[in-house]
Amino acid sequence: MPEDEIKARVLNAALSHVPFDGWSEATLKAAITQSGVAPALARALFPRGGVDLALAYHQRGDDAMATQLAKLDLKNVAFRDRVAKAVRTRLELSDKELARRGTTLFALPIHAADGARAIWGTADRIWTALGDKSQDFSWYSKRATLSGVYASTVLFWLGDDSPGQHDTWEFLDRRIEEVMQFGSLTKRLQENRLGEAMMRGPGKILESIRAPRLPSDLPGWIRR
């Protein structure tokens, strides 16, 4: 059986235990027993136990979101609405209690970096799905900004009991509107004399920043 299928089998078995035991060692032990996967193999696939299970669940959500967005025709949709649709799709594909348990886990200092990387990864998947081609500093700023929007929206969503999560979607729209206003302010700044001076001086360093590139000589790499 392929490794991905084995991981999915263990993760599937874990999901029913998370609401009671969280993303924990107890959940992994129960999942190993229930899935029938050899303990040594399961622990090799999830070496850090519950945190690796939680990250696998998060990755599954990102994959499902990307698949869903690929089926939509968003060409004629306003850009801010495309971003909102992507974030909303990601949350609608999540189980609130499983996400709540994950948020609790990643709030721990020892796992905070894992949580931050997971959110950054979601933001990156969203921008990629929406066709972002940036290769300069904006590659980073877009993902950093969306990470903030996504993280704050998740926290609001976890406490939202409004019908159809209506309050969450309004909150999301407000956060995106604030970001759009900041973007407009930045553009206006660059167009005035002060902004031009900054870009010729301290801001000039931003022009040297480039998006990360994957090495093209790895086994299995397909050049596109």
N, C-alpha and C. Protein backbone atom coordinates (compact mmCIF):
# COMPACT_ATOMS: atom_id res chain seq x y z
N MET A 1 0.85 -1.19 0.00
CA MET A 1 0.00 0.00 0.00
C MET A 1 0.89 1.25 0.00
N PRO A 2 0.60 2.24 -0.87
CA PRO A 2 1.40 3.46 -0.92
C PRO A 2 1.41 4.18 0.42
N GLU A 3 2.50 4.91 0.67
CA GLU A 3 2.64 5.61 1.94
C GLU A 3 1.50 6.59 2.20
N ASP A 4 1.08 7.33 1.16
CA ASP A 4 0.00 8.30 1.32
C ASP A 4 -1.30 7.64 1.77
N GLU A 5 -1.56 6.45 1.25
CA GLU A 5 -2.78 5.73 1.62
C GLU A 5 -2.71 5.24 3.06
N ILE A 6 -1.52 4.84 3.48
CA ILE A 6 -1.35 4.38 4.87
C ILE A 6 -1.55 5.55 5.83
N LYS A 7 -0.97 6.70 5.48
CA LYS A 7 -1.14 7.89 6.33
C LYS A 7 -2.61 8.29 6.41
N ALA A 8 -3.28 8.23 5.27
CA ALA A 8 -4.71 8.58 5.25
C ALA A 8 -5.51 7.61 6.10
N ARG A 9 -5.13 6.36 6.09
CA ARG A 9 -5.84 5.33 6.87
C ARG A 9 -5.71 5.61 8.36
N VAL A 10 -4.50 5.96 8.80
CA VAL A 10 -4.29 6.26 10.22
C VAL A 10 -5.02 7.55 10.59
N LEU A 11 -4.93 8.56 9.72
CA LEU A 11 -5.59 9.83 10.00
C LEU A 11 -7.10 9.65 10.09
N ASN A 12 -7.66 8.90 9.17
CA ASN A 12 -9.11 8.66 9.19
C ASN A 12 -9.54 8.00 10.50
N ALA A 13 -8.73 7.07 10.96
CA ALA A 13 -9.06 6.38 12.21
C ALA A 13 -8.92 7.32 13.41
N ALA A 14 -8.07 8.32 13.29
CA ALA A 14 -7.84 9.24 14.40
C ALA A 14 -8.97 10.24 14.59
N LEU A 15 -9.65 10.61 13.51
CA LEU A 15 -10.58 11.73 13.56
C LEU A 15 -11.68 11.59 14.61
N SER A 16 -12.19 10.40 14.78
CA SER A 16 -13.29 10.22 15.75
C SER A 16 -12.81 10.33 17.20
N HIS A 17 -11.51 10.24 17.41
CA HIS A 17 -10.96 10.31 18.78
C HIS A 17 -10.53 11.72 19.16
N VAL A 18 -10.28 12.57 18.16
CA VAL A 18 -9.77 13.92 18.43
C VAL A 18 -10.71 14.75 19.31
N PRO A 19 -12.04 14.72 19.09
CA PRO A 19 -12.92 15.54 19.95
C PRO A 19 -12.80 15.19 21.43
N PHE A 20 -12.38 13.97 21.74
CA PHE A 20 -12.29 13.55 23.14
C PHE A 20 -10.87 13.65 23.69
N ASP A 21 -9.88 13.26 22.87
CA ASP A 21 -8.49 13.22 23.36
C ASP A 21 -7.59 14.25 22.71
N GLY A 22 -8.13 15.08 21.81
CA GLY A 22 -7.31 16.07 21.13
C GLY A 22 -6.34 15.42 20.16
N TRP A 23 -5.46 16.24 19.59
CA TRP A 23 -4.41 15.71 18.72
C TRP A 23 -3.27 15.28 19.63
N SER A 24 -3.35 14.06 20.11
CA SER A 24 -2.47 13.62 21.20
C SER A 24 -1.92 12.22 20.95
N GLU A 25 -1.06 11.83 21.87
CA GLU A 25 -0.51 10.48 21.83
C GLU A 25 -1.61 9.44 22.00
N ALA A 26 -2.60 9.74 22.85
CA ALA A 26 -3.71 8.81 23.06
C ALA A 26 -4.49 8.61 21.76
N THR A 27 -4.67 9.67 21.03
CA THR A 27 -5.38 9.57 19.75
C THR A 27 -4.59 8.74 18.75
N LEU A 28 -3.28 8.96 18.69
CA LEU A 28 -2.46 8.17 17.77
C LEU A 28 -2.50 6.69 18.13
N LYS A 29 -2.42 6.37 19.41
CA LYS A 29 -2.46 4.96 19.82
C LYS A 29 -3.79 4.33 19.42
N ALA A 30 -4.89 5.05 19.64
CA ALA A 30 -6.20 4.52 19.26
C ALA A 30 -6.32 4.35 17.76
N ALA A 31 -5.74 5.29 17.01
CA ALA A 31 -5.80 5.22 15.54
C ALA A 31 -5.00 4.05 15.01
N ILE A 32 -3.86 3.78 15.64
CA ILE A 32 -3.04 2.64 15.21
C ILE A 32 -3.80 1.34 15.42
N THR A 33 -4.42 1.21 16.57
CA THR A 33 -5.19 0.00 16.86
C THR A 33 -6.37 -0.16 15.91
N GLN A 34 -7.10 0.94 15.71
CA GLN A 34 -8.30 0.89 14.87
C GLN A 34 -7.98 0.70 13.40
N SER A 35 -6.88 1.27 12.93
CA SER A 35 -6.55 1.20 11.50
C SER A 35 -5.90 -0.13 11.12
N GLY A 36 -5.29 -0.79 12.09
CA GLY A 36 -4.61 -2.04 11.79
C GLY A 36 -3.25 -1.86 11.17
N VAL A 37 -2.77 -0.62 11.12
CA VAL A 37 -1.44 -0.36 10.58
C VAL A 37 -0.40 -0.75 11.62
N ALA A 38 0.70 -1.33 11.16
CA ALA A 38 1.76 -1.74 12.08
C ALA A 38 2.24 -0.53 12.89
N PRO A 39 2.33 -0.67 14.22
CA PRO A 39 2.72 0.46 15.06
C PRO A 39 4.02 1.13 14.64
N ALA A 40 5.03 0.33 14.29
CA ALA A 40 6.32 0.91 13.90
C ALA A 40 6.17 1.76 12.65
N LEU A 41 5.36 1.29 11.70
CA LEU A 41 5.16 2.04 10.46
C LEU A 41 4.38 3.32 10.73
N ALA A 42 3.34 3.23 11.54
CA ALA A 42 2.53 4.40 11.85
C ALA A 42 3.37 5.46 12.56
N ARG A 43 4.23 5.03 13.45
CA ARG A 43 5.04 6.00 14.18
C ARG A 43 6.15 6.57 13.31
N ALA A 44 6.54 5.84 12.30
CA ALA A 44 7.52 6.38 11.35
C ALA A 44 6.87 7.46 10.50
N LEU A 45 5.57 7.30 10.21
CA LEU A 45 4.86 8.28 9.39
C LEU A 45 4.43 9.49 10.21
N PHE A 46 4.22 9.28 11.53
CA PHE A 46 3.83 10.37 12.42
C PHE A 46 4.78 10.39 13.62
N PRO A 47 6.05 10.71 13.38
CA PRO A 47 7.07 10.57 14.42
C PRO A 47 6.83 11.45 15.65
N ARG A 48 6.13 12.58 15.48
CA ARG A 48 5.87 13.45 16.63
C ARG A 48 4.45 13.25 17.18
N GLY A 49 3.84 12.17 16.77
CA GLY A 49 2.53 11.83 17.31
C GLY A 49 1.42 12.77 16.91
N GLY A 50 0.72 13.31 17.90
CA GLY A 50 -0.46 14.12 17.66
C GLY A 50 -0.23 15.33 16.79
N VAL A 51 0.90 16.01 16.95
CA VAL A 51 1.14 17.22 16.16
C VAL A 51 1.26 16.90 14.68
N ASP A 52 1.87 15.75 14.35
CA ASP A 52 1.97 15.35 12.95
C ASP A 52 0.61 14.93 12.40
N LEU A 53 -0.22 14.35 13.25
CA LEU A 53 -1.59 14.04 12.83
C LEU A 53 -2.35 15.32 12.52
N ALA A 54 -2.21 16.32 13.39
CA ALA A 54 -2.89 17.59 13.20
C ALA A 54 -2.43 18.28 11.91
N LEU A 55 -1.14 18.24 11.65
CA LEU A 55 -0.60 18.85 10.43
C LEU A 55 -1.08 18.11 9.19
N ALA A 56 -1.20 16.79 9.30
CA ALA A 56 -1.71 16.00 8.17
C ALA A 56 -3.16 16.35 7.89
N TYR A 57 -3.94 16.57 8.95
CA TYR A 57 -5.34 16.97 8.77
C TYR A 57 -5.42 18.35 8.13
N HIS A 58 -4.57 19.25 8.57
CA HIS A 58 -4.55 20.60 7.99
C HIS A 58 -4.17 20.53 6.51
N GLN A 59 -3.18 19.72 6.19
CA GLN A 59 -2.76 19.56 4.80
C GLN A 59 -3.88 18.99 3.95
N ARG A 60 -4.62 18.05 4.52
CA ARG A 60 -5.76 17.48 3.79
C ARG A 60 -6.78 18.57 3.47
N GLY A 61 -7.02 19.47 4.40
CA GLY A 61 -7.95 20.56 4.17
C GLY A 61 -7.47 21.49 3.06
N ASP A 62 -6.16 21.78 3.06
CA ASP A 62 -5.58 22.63 2.00
C ASP A 62 -5.74 21.97 0.63
N ASP A 63 -5.49 20.66 0.58
CA ASP A 63 -5.62 19.93 -0.68
C ASP A 63 -7.07 19.96 -1.19
N ALA A 64 -8.01 19.75 -0.27
CA ALA A 64 -9.42 19.75 -0.65
C ALA A 64 -9.84 21.13 -1.14
N MET A 65 -9.34 22.17 -0.49
CA MET A 65 -9.66 23.54 -0.91
C MET A 65 -9.14 23.80 -2.31
N ALA A 66 -7.89 23.43 -2.58
CA ALA A 66 -7.30 23.65 -3.89
C ALA A 66 -8.09 22.92 -4.98
N THR A 67 -8.50 21.71 -4.67
CA THR A 67 -9.30 20.93 -5.63
C THR A 67 -10.63 21.61 -5.90
N GLN A 68 -11.27 22.10 -4.83
CA GLN A 68 -12.57 22.77 -4.97
C GLN A 68 -12.44 24.06 -5.78
N LEU A 69 -11.41 24.85 -5.48
CA LEU A 69 -11.23 26.12 -6.19
C LEU A 69 -10.92 25.91 -7.66
N ALA A 70 -10.24 24.81 -7.97
CA ALA A 70 -9.91 24.53 -9.37
C ALA A 70 -11.15 24.26 -10.21
N LYS A 71 -12.24 23.90 -9.56
CA LYS A 71 -13.47 23.60 -10.28
C LYS A 71 -14.31 24.86 -10.54
N LEU A 72 -13.95 25.96 -9.89
CA LEU A 72 -14.75 27.18 -9.99
C LEU A 72 -14.22 28.11 -11.08
N ASP A 73 -15.12 28.81 -11.71
CA ASP A 73 -14.74 29.82 -12.70
C ASP A 73 -14.83 31.18 -12.01
N LEU A 74 -13.68 31.71 -11.63
CA LEU A 74 -13.64 32.96 -10.88
C LEU A 74 -13.08 34.12 -11.69
N LYS A 75 -12.95 33.93 -13.00
CA LYS A 75 -12.32 34.94 -13.84
C LYS A 75 -13.05 36.28 -13.80
N ASN A 76 -14.36 36.23 -13.74
CA ASN A 76 -15.14 37.47 -13.78
C ASN A 76 -15.57 37.93 -12.39
N VAL A 77 -14.99 37.33 -11.36
CA VAL A 77 -15.32 37.69 -9.98
C VAL A 77 -14.30 38.71 -9.48
N ALA A 78 -14.77 39.73 -8.79
CA ALA A 78 -13.86 40.75 -8.25
C ALA A 78 -12.79 40.09 -7.39
N PHE A 79 -11.58 40.64 -7.43
CA PHE A 79 -10.45 40.00 -6.77
C PHE A 79 -10.70 39.79 -5.28
N ARG A 80 -11.22 40.81 -4.60
CA ARG A 80 -11.46 40.68 -3.16
C ARG A 80 -12.45 39.57 -2.88
N ASP A 81 -13.41 39.37 -3.80
CA ASP A 81 -14.41 38.32 -3.62
C ASP A 81 -13.80 36.95 -3.88
N ARG A 82 -12.80 36.90 -4.75
CA ARG A 82 -12.10 35.63 -4.99
C ARG A 82 -11.36 35.18 -3.73
N VAL A 83 -10.69 36.14 -3.10
CA VAL A 83 -9.97 35.81 -1.87
C VAL A 83 -10.94 35.36 -0.78
N ALA A 84 -12.04 36.09 -0.64
CA ALA A 84 -13.05 35.73 0.36
C ALA A 84 -13.61 34.34 0.08
N LYS A 85 -13.86 34.04 -1.17
CA LYS A 85 -14.39 32.73 -1.54
C LYS A 85 -13.41 31.63 -1.17
N ALA A 86 -12.13 31.88 -1.40
CA ALA A 86 -11.11 30.88 -1.08
C ALA A 86 -11.04 30.61 0.41
N VAL A 87 -11.01 31.68 1.21
CA VAL A 87 -10.95 31.50 2.67
C VAL A 87 -12.21 30.81 3.17
N ARG A 88 -13.35 31.23 2.65
CA ARG A 88 -14.61 30.63 3.07
C ARG A 88 -14.64 29.14 2.70
N THR A 89 -14.18 28.81 1.52
CA THR A 89 -14.14 27.41 1.09
C THR A 89 -13.28 26.58 2.03
N ARG A 90 -12.12 27.16 2.41
CA ARG A 90 -11.21 26.43 3.31
C ARG A 90 -11.88 26.14 4.65
N LEU A 91 -12.61 27.12 5.19
CA LEU A 91 -13.25 26.91 6.48
C LEU A 91 -14.44 25.95 6.38
N GLU A 92 -15.18 26.05 5.29
CA GLU A 92 -16.34 25.17 5.13
C GLU A 92 -15.94 23.71 4.96
N LEU A 93 -14.70 23.48 4.57
CA LEU A 93 -14.21 22.11 4.42
C LEU A 93 -13.63 21.56 5.72
N SER A 94 -13.63 22.39 6.76
CA SER A 94 -13.05 22.00 8.05
C SER A 94 -14.14 21.60 9.04
N ASP A 95 -13.81 20.67 9.90
CA ASP A 95 -14.67 20.32 11.03
C ASP A 95 -14.30 21.26 12.17
N LYS A 96 -15.27 21.98 12.69
CA LYS A 96 -14.97 23.01 13.69
C LYS A 96 -14.32 22.45 14.95
N GLU A 97 -14.78 21.32 15.43
CA GLU A 97 -14.21 20.77 16.66
C GLU A 97 -12.78 20.28 16.44
N LEU A 98 -12.52 19.68 15.28
CA LEU A 98 -11.15 19.24 14.98
C LEU A 98 -10.23 20.45 14.83
N ALA A 99 -10.75 21.51 14.20
CA ALA A 99 -9.96 22.74 14.06
C ALA A 99 -9.72 23.39 15.41
N ARG A 100 -10.73 23.35 16.27
CA ARG A 100 -10.58 23.93 17.62
C ARG A 100 -9.46 23.22 18.39
N ARG A 101 -9.47 21.91 18.29
CA ARG A 101 -8.43 21.13 18.97
C ARG A 101 -7.05 21.44 18.40
N GLY A 102 -7.01 21.66 17.08
CA GLY A 102 -5.74 22.01 16.45
C GLY A 102 -5.26 23.38 16.89
N THR A 103 -6.18 24.33 16.98
CA THR A 103 -5.82 25.67 17.43
C THR A 103 -5.26 25.64 18.85
N THR A 104 -5.87 24.84 19.70
CA THR A 104 -5.38 24.69 21.07
C THR A 104 -3.97 24.11 21.09
N LEU A 105 -3.73 23.12 20.25
CA LEU A 105 -2.41 22.49 20.18
C LEU A 105 -1.35 23.47 19.71
N PHE A 106 -1.66 24.20 18.63
CA PHE A 106 -0.67 25.10 18.04
C PHE A 106 -0.51 26.39 18.83
N ALA A 107 -1.36 26.60 19.83
CA ALA A 107 -1.19 27.75 20.72
C ALA A 107 -0.08 27.50 21.73
N LEU A 108 0.29 26.23 21.91
CA LEU A 108 1.38 25.90 22.83
C LEU A 108 2.71 26.39 22.25
N PRO A 109 3.55 27.02 23.03
CA PRO A 109 4.82 27.56 22.52
C PRO A 109 5.65 26.54 21.75
N ILE A 110 5.65 25.30 22.20
CA ILE A 110 6.47 24.28 21.55
C ILE A 110 6.00 23.97 20.14
N HIS A 111 4.72 24.24 19.85
CA HIS A 111 4.17 23.93 18.52
C HIS A 111 3.75 25.18 17.75
N ALA A 112 4.04 26.35 18.29
CA ALA A 112 3.61 27.60 17.65
C ALA A 112 4.20 27.75 16.25
N ALA A 113 5.46 27.36 16.08
CA ALA A 113 6.10 27.49 14.78
C ALA A 113 5.43 26.59 13.75
N ASP A 114 5.02 25.38 14.18
CA ASP A 114 4.30 24.48 13.28
C ASP A 114 2.98 25.09 12.85
N GLY A 115 2.28 25.71 13.80
CA GLY A 115 1.01 26.34 13.47
C GLY A 115 1.18 27.50 12.51
N ALA A 116 2.21 28.30 12.73
CA ALA A 116 2.47 29.44 11.84
C ALA A 116 2.79 28.96 10.43
N ARG A 117 3.59 27.90 10.32
CA ARG A 117 3.92 27.36 9.00
C ARG A 117 2.67 26.81 8.30
N ALA A 118 1.80 26.19 9.08
CA ALA A 118 0.57 25.64 8.50
C ALA A 118 -0.31 26.75 7.93
N ILE A 119 -0.44 27.85 8.68
CA ILE A 119 -1.25 28.98 8.20
C ILE A 119 -0.61 29.62 6.98
N TRP A 120 0.70 29.79 7.02
CA TRP A 120 1.41 30.33 5.85
C TRP A 120 1.18 29.43 4.64
N GLY A 121 1.23 28.12 4.87
CA GLY A 121 1.02 27.18 3.77
C GLY A 121 -0.37 27.32 3.17
N THR A 122 -1.37 27.54 4.02
CA THR A 122 -2.73 27.75 3.52
C THR A 122 -2.81 29.01 2.68
N ALA A 123 -2.19 30.09 3.17
CA ALA A 123 -2.18 31.35 2.42
C ALA A 123 -1.49 31.15 1.07
N ASP A 124 -0.40 30.41 1.07
CA ASP A 124 0.32 30.15 -0.18
C ASP A 124 -0.54 29.36 -1.15
N ARG A 125 -1.25 28.34 -0.64
CA ARG A 125 -2.11 27.54 -1.51
C ARG A 125 -3.23 28.39 -2.10
N ILE A 126 -3.76 29.32 -1.31
CA ILE A 126 -4.83 30.19 -1.80
C ILE A 126 -4.31 31.09 -2.93
N TRP A 127 -3.18 31.76 -2.68
CA TRP A 127 -2.63 32.64 -3.72
C TRP A 127 -2.28 31.86 -4.98
N THR A 128 -1.72 30.68 -4.80
CA THR A 128 -1.37 29.85 -5.96
C THR A 128 -2.62 29.45 -6.73
N ALA A 129 -3.67 29.06 -6.00
CA ALA A 129 -4.93 28.66 -6.65
C ALA A 129 -5.57 29.82 -7.39
N LEU A 130 -5.35 31.04 -6.90
CA LEU A 130 -5.93 32.22 -7.54
C LEU A 130 -5.05 32.76 -8.65
N GLY A 131 -3.94 32.05 -8.94
CA GLY A 131 -3.11 32.41 -10.09
C GLY A 131 -2.05 33.44 -9.83
N ASP A 132 -1.63 33.62 -8.57
CA ASP A 132 -0.59 34.60 -8.27
C ASP A 132 0.71 34.23 -8.96
N LYS A 133 1.30 35.19 -9.66
CA LYS A 133 2.55 34.95 -10.39
C LYS A 133 3.68 35.83 -9.87
N SER A 134 3.48 36.49 -8.76
CA SER A 134 4.49 37.41 -8.26
C SER A 134 5.79 36.67 -7.95
N GLN A 135 6.92 37.37 -8.19
CA GLN A 135 8.22 36.79 -7.94
C GLN A 135 9.11 37.69 -7.10
N ASP A 136 8.56 38.82 -6.65
CA ASP A 136 9.35 39.77 -5.89
C ASP A 136 8.88 39.82 -4.43
N PHE A 137 9.12 40.94 -3.77
CA PHE A 137 8.74 41.08 -2.36
C PHE A 137 7.25 40.87 -2.13
N SER A 138 6.44 41.19 -3.14
CA SER A 138 4.98 41.04 -2.98
C SER A 138 4.59 39.59 -2.76
N TRP A 139 5.43 38.64 -3.22
CA TRP A 139 5.15 37.22 -2.98
C TRP A 139 5.03 36.98 -1.47
N TYR A 140 5.93 37.59 -0.72
CA TYR A 140 5.94 37.44 0.73
C TYR A 140 4.85 38.28 1.39
N SER A 141 4.70 39.53 0.95
CA SER A 141 3.73 40.41 1.60
C SER A 141 2.30 39.91 1.41
N LYS A 142 2.00 39.35 0.23
CA LYS A 142 0.66 38.82 0.00
C LYS A 142 0.36 37.68 0.95
N ARG A 143 1.30 36.79 1.12
CA ARG A 143 1.07 35.62 1.96
C ARG A 143 1.06 35.99 3.44
N ALA A 144 1.90 36.95 3.82
CA ALA A 144 1.91 37.39 5.21
C ALA A 144 0.58 38.06 5.56
N THR A 145 0.09 38.90 4.65
CA THR A 145 -1.17 39.60 4.89
C THR A 145 -2.33 38.63 4.96
N LEU A 146 -2.39 37.70 4.02
CA LEU A 146 -3.48 36.73 4.01
C LEU A 146 -3.40 35.79 5.20
N SER A 147 -2.20 35.47 5.65
CA SER A 147 -2.05 34.64 6.84
C SER A 147 -2.72 35.30 8.04
N GLY A 148 -2.54 36.62 8.16
CA GLY A 148 -3.17 37.35 9.25
C GLY A 148 -4.68 37.35 9.13
N VAL A 149 -5.17 37.56 7.91
CA VAL A 149 -6.62 37.54 7.68
C VAL A 149 -7.18 36.16 8.00
N TYR A 150 -6.53 35.14 7.51
CA TYR A 150 -7.01 33.77 7.72
C TYR A 150 -7.01 33.40 9.20
N ALA A 151 -5.90 33.69 9.90
CA ALA A 151 -5.79 33.32 11.31
C ALA A 151 -6.86 34.01 12.14
N SER A 152 -7.08 35.30 11.92
CA SER A 152 -8.09 36.02 12.70
C SER A 152 -9.50 35.52 12.38
N THR A 153 -9.73 35.16 11.11
CA THR A 153 -11.05 34.66 10.73
C THR A 153 -11.32 33.29 11.34
N VAL A 154 -10.30 32.45 11.41
CA VAL A 154 -10.45 31.14 12.05
C VAL A 154 -10.86 31.30 13.51
N LEU A 155 -10.19 32.19 14.22
CA LEU A 155 -10.50 32.40 15.64
C LEU A 155 -11.93 32.91 15.81
N PHE A 156 -12.37 33.80 14.93
CA PHE A 156 -13.74 34.29 15.01
C PHE A 156 -14.72 33.17 14.71
N TRP A 157 -14.43 32.39 13.68
CA TRP A 157 -15.28 31.28 13.24
C TRP A 157 -15.47 30.25 14.34
N LEU A 158 -14.41 29.98 15.10
CA LEU A 158 -14.50 28.97 16.16
C LEU A 158 -15.50 29.37 17.24
N GLY A 159 -15.71 30.67 17.43
CA GLY A 159 -16.66 31.11 18.44
C GLY A 159 -17.99 31.58 17.88
N ASP A 160 -18.19 31.39 16.58
CA ASP A 160 -19.40 31.89 15.91
C ASP A 160 -20.50 30.84 15.92
N ASP A 161 -21.65 31.20 16.49
CA ASP A 161 -22.80 30.30 16.47
C ASP A 161 -23.97 30.91 15.71
N SER A 162 -23.68 31.90 14.85
CA SER A 162 -24.73 32.54 14.06
C SER A 162 -25.21 31.59 12.97
N PRO A 163 -26.45 31.73 12.52
CA PRO A 163 -26.99 30.84 11.47
C PRO A 163 -26.13 30.90 10.20
N GLY A 164 -25.70 29.72 9.74
CA GLY A 164 -24.91 29.66 8.52
C GLY A 164 -23.57 30.35 8.63
N GLN A 165 -23.09 30.57 9.84
CA GLN A 165 -21.82 31.27 10.07
C GLN A 165 -21.82 32.67 9.46
N HIS A 166 -23.00 33.28 9.41
CA HIS A 166 -23.17 34.59 8.77
C HIS A 166 -22.22 35.64 9.35
N ASP A 167 -22.06 35.65 10.66
CA ASP A 167 -21.20 36.65 11.29
C ASP A 167 -19.74 36.47 10.88
N THR A 168 -19.33 35.23 10.67
CA THR A 168 -17.95 34.97 10.25
C THR A 168 -17.68 35.53 8.87
N TRP A 169 -18.62 35.33 7.96
CA TRP A 169 -18.40 35.81 6.59
C TRP A 169 -18.39 37.34 6.53
N GLU A 170 -19.18 37.98 7.40
CA GLU A 170 -19.14 39.44 7.48
C GLU A 170 -17.80 39.90 8.06
N PHE A 171 -17.33 39.18 9.07
CA PHE A 171 -16.02 39.49 9.66
C PHE A 171 -14.93 39.35 8.60
N LEU A 172 -14.98 38.29 7.82
CA LEU A 172 -14.00 38.05 6.76
C LEU A 172 -14.03 39.19 5.75
N ASP A 173 -15.20 39.62 5.36
CA ASP A 173 -15.32 40.72 4.39
C ASP A 173 -14.68 42.00 4.94
N ARG A 174 -14.88 42.25 6.22
CA ARG A 174 -14.30 43.46 6.83
C ARG A 174 -12.78 43.38 6.86
N ARG A 175 -12.24 42.21 7.17
CA ARG A 175 -10.78 42.07 7.22
C ARG A 175 -10.19 42.26 5.82
N ILE A 176 -10.82 41.71 4.81
CA ILE A 176 -10.31 41.86 3.44
C ILE A 176 -10.42 43.30 2.99
N GLU A 177 -11.50 43.97 3.36
CA GLU A 177 -11.67 45.38 3.00
C GLU A 177 -10.56 46.22 3.62
N GLU A 178 -10.20 45.94 4.85
CA GLU A 178 -9.11 46.66 5.49
C GLU A 178 -7.80 46.45 4.75
N VAL A 179 -7.55 45.23 4.31
CA VAL A 179 -6.33 44.94 3.57
C VAL A 179 -6.34 45.66 2.23
N MET A 180 -7.48 45.67 1.55
CA MET A 180 -7.57 46.35 0.26
C MET A 180 -7.33 47.85 0.43
N GLN A 181 -7.83 48.43 1.50
CA GLN A 181 -7.62 49.85 1.75
C GLN A 181 -6.15 50.14 2.01
N PHE A 182 -5.49 49.24 2.72
CA PHE A 182 -4.06 49.40 2.97
C PHE A 182 -3.27 49.32 1.67
N GLY A 183 -3.70 48.39 0.79
CA GLY A 183 -3.03 48.27 -0.51
C GLY A 183 -3.19 49.54 -1.34
N SER A 184 -4.37 50.12 -1.29
CA SER A 184 -4.60 51.36 -2.04
C SER A 184 -3.76 52.50 -1.48
N LEU A 185 -3.63 52.55 -0.14
CA LEU A 185 -2.81 53.57 0.48
C LEU A 185 -1.35 53.42 0.08
N THR A 186 -0.87 52.18 0.04
CA THR A 186 0.51 51.93 -0.35
C THR A 186 0.75 52.37 -1.79
N LYS A 187 -0.19 52.07 -2.66
CA LYS A 187 -0.05 52.46 -4.06
C LYS A 187 0.00 53.97 -4.20
N ARG A 188 -0.88 54.68 -3.46
CA ARG A 188 -0.88 56.14 -3.53
C ARG A 188 0.43 56.72 -3.00
N LEU A 189 0.97 56.08 -1.95
CA LEU A 189 2.23 56.54 -1.40
C LEU A 189 3.35 56.42 -2.43
N GLN A 190 3.37 55.32 -3.16
CA GLN A 190 4.41 55.11 -4.15
C GLN A 190 4.31 56.10 -5.30
N GLU A 191 3.11 56.62 -5.51
CA GLU A 191 2.91 57.53 -6.63
C GLU A 191 3.23 58.98 -6.29
N ASN A 192 3.38 59.30 -5.00
CA ASN A 192 3.71 60.69 -4.67
C ASN A 192 5.23 60.85 -4.48
N ARG A 193 5.68 62.05 -4.29
CA ARG A 193 7.11 62.33 -4.24
C ARG A 193 7.81 61.65 -3.07
N LEU A 194 7.14 61.64 -1.92
CA LEU A 194 7.73 60.98 -0.76
C LEU A 194 7.92 59.50 -1.02
N GLY A 195 6.90 58.89 -1.60
CA GLY A 195 6.99 57.46 -1.90
C GLY A 195 8.10 57.16 -2.89
N GLU A 196 8.22 58.00 -3.91
CA GLU A 196 9.27 57.81 -4.90
C GLU A 196 10.65 57.91 -4.26
N ALA A 197 10.80 58.87 -3.35
CA ALA A 197 12.08 59.05 -2.66
C ALA A 197 12.42 57.83 -1.82
N MET A 198 11.39 57.28 -1.16
CA MET A 198 11.61 56.09 -0.33
C MET A 198 12.05 54.91 -1.18
N MET A 199 11.43 54.76 -2.35
CA MET A 199 11.77 53.63 -3.21
C MET A 199 13.16 53.79 -3.83
N ARG A 200 13.61 55.02 -3.96
CA ARG A 200 14.96 55.24 -4.47
C ARG A 200 16.00 55.04 -3.37
N GLY A 201 15.53 55.19 -2.09
CA GLY A 201 16.43 55.07 -0.96
C GLY A 201 16.25 53.76 -0.22
N PRO A 202 15.73 53.83 1.04
CA PRO A 202 15.59 52.61 1.86
C PRO A 202 14.74 51.52 1.19
N GLY A 203 13.71 51.94 0.46
CA GLY A 203 12.83 50.95 -0.16
C GLY A 203 13.46 50.22 -1.32
N LYS A 204 14.61 50.69 -1.78
CA LYS A 204 15.26 50.07 -2.95
C LYS A 204 15.62 48.62 -2.68
N ILE A 205 15.90 48.30 -1.42
CA ILE A 205 16.29 46.93 -1.09
C ILE A 205 15.20 45.92 -1.38
N LEU A 206 13.93 46.38 -1.37
CA LEU A 206 12.81 45.47 -1.62
C LEU A 206 12.85 44.90 -3.03
N GLU A 207 13.46 45.67 -3.94
CA GLU A 207 13.51 45.22 -5.33
C GLU A 207 14.41 44.00 -5.50
N SER A 208 15.31 43.77 -4.54
CA SER A 208 16.24 42.64 -4.66
C SER A 208 15.67 41.35 -4.08
N ILE A 209 14.52 41.46 -3.41
CA ILE A 209 13.92 40.28 -2.79
C ILE A 209 13.13 39.50 -3.82
N ARG A 210 13.33 38.20 -3.87
CA ARG A 210 12.66 37.34 -4.84
C ARG A 210 11.96 36.18 -4.13
N ALA A 211 10.90 35.69 -4.77
CA ALA A 211 10.18 34.54 -4.23
C ALA A 211 11.11 33.33 -4.21
N PRO A 212 10.91 32.41 -3.26
CA PRO A 212 11.78 31.23 -3.19
C PRO A 212 11.60 30.35 -4.42
N ARG A 213 12.68 29.72 -4.82
CA ARG A 213 12.65 28.83 -5.98
C ARG A 213 13.05 27.42 -5.55
N LEU A 214 12.29 26.44 -6.00
CA LEU A 214 12.65 25.06 -5.72
C LEU A 214 13.79 24.63 -6.63
N PRO A 215 14.73 23.84 -6.12
CA PRO A 215 15.81 23.35 -6.99
C PRO A 215 15.24 22.49 -8.10
N SER A 216 15.82 22.60 -9.29
CA SER A 216 15.29 21.87 -10.45
C SER A 216 16.01 20.56 -10.73
N ASP A 217 16.92 20.14 -9.82
CA ASP A 217 17.68 18.92 -10.06
C ASP A 217 17.32 17.81 -9.09
N LEU A 218 16.15 17.94 -8.45
CA LEU A 218 15.74 16.89 -7.51
C LEU A 218 15.13 15.71 -8.27
N PRO A 219 15.27 14.48 -7.74
CA PRO A 219 14.63 13.32 -8.39
C PRO A 219 13.14 13.52 -8.50
N GLY A 220 12.60 13.25 -9.68
CA GLY A 220 11.17 13.38 -9.88
C GLY A 220 10.72 14.78 -10.21
N TRP A 221 11.65 15.76 -10.24
CA TRP A 221 11.27 17.14 -10.55
C TRP A 221 10.81 17.26 -11.99
N ILE A 222 9.68 17.91 -12.19
CA ILE A 222 9.17 18.13 -13.53
C ILE A 222 9.26 19.61 -13.85
N ARG A 223 10.02 19.95 -14.85
CA ARG A 223 10.17 21.35 -15.22
C ARG A 223 8.91 21.82 -15.92
N ARG A 224 8.40 22.98 -15.52
CA ARG A 224 7.16 23.50 -16.09
C ARG A 224 7.43 24.78 -16.86
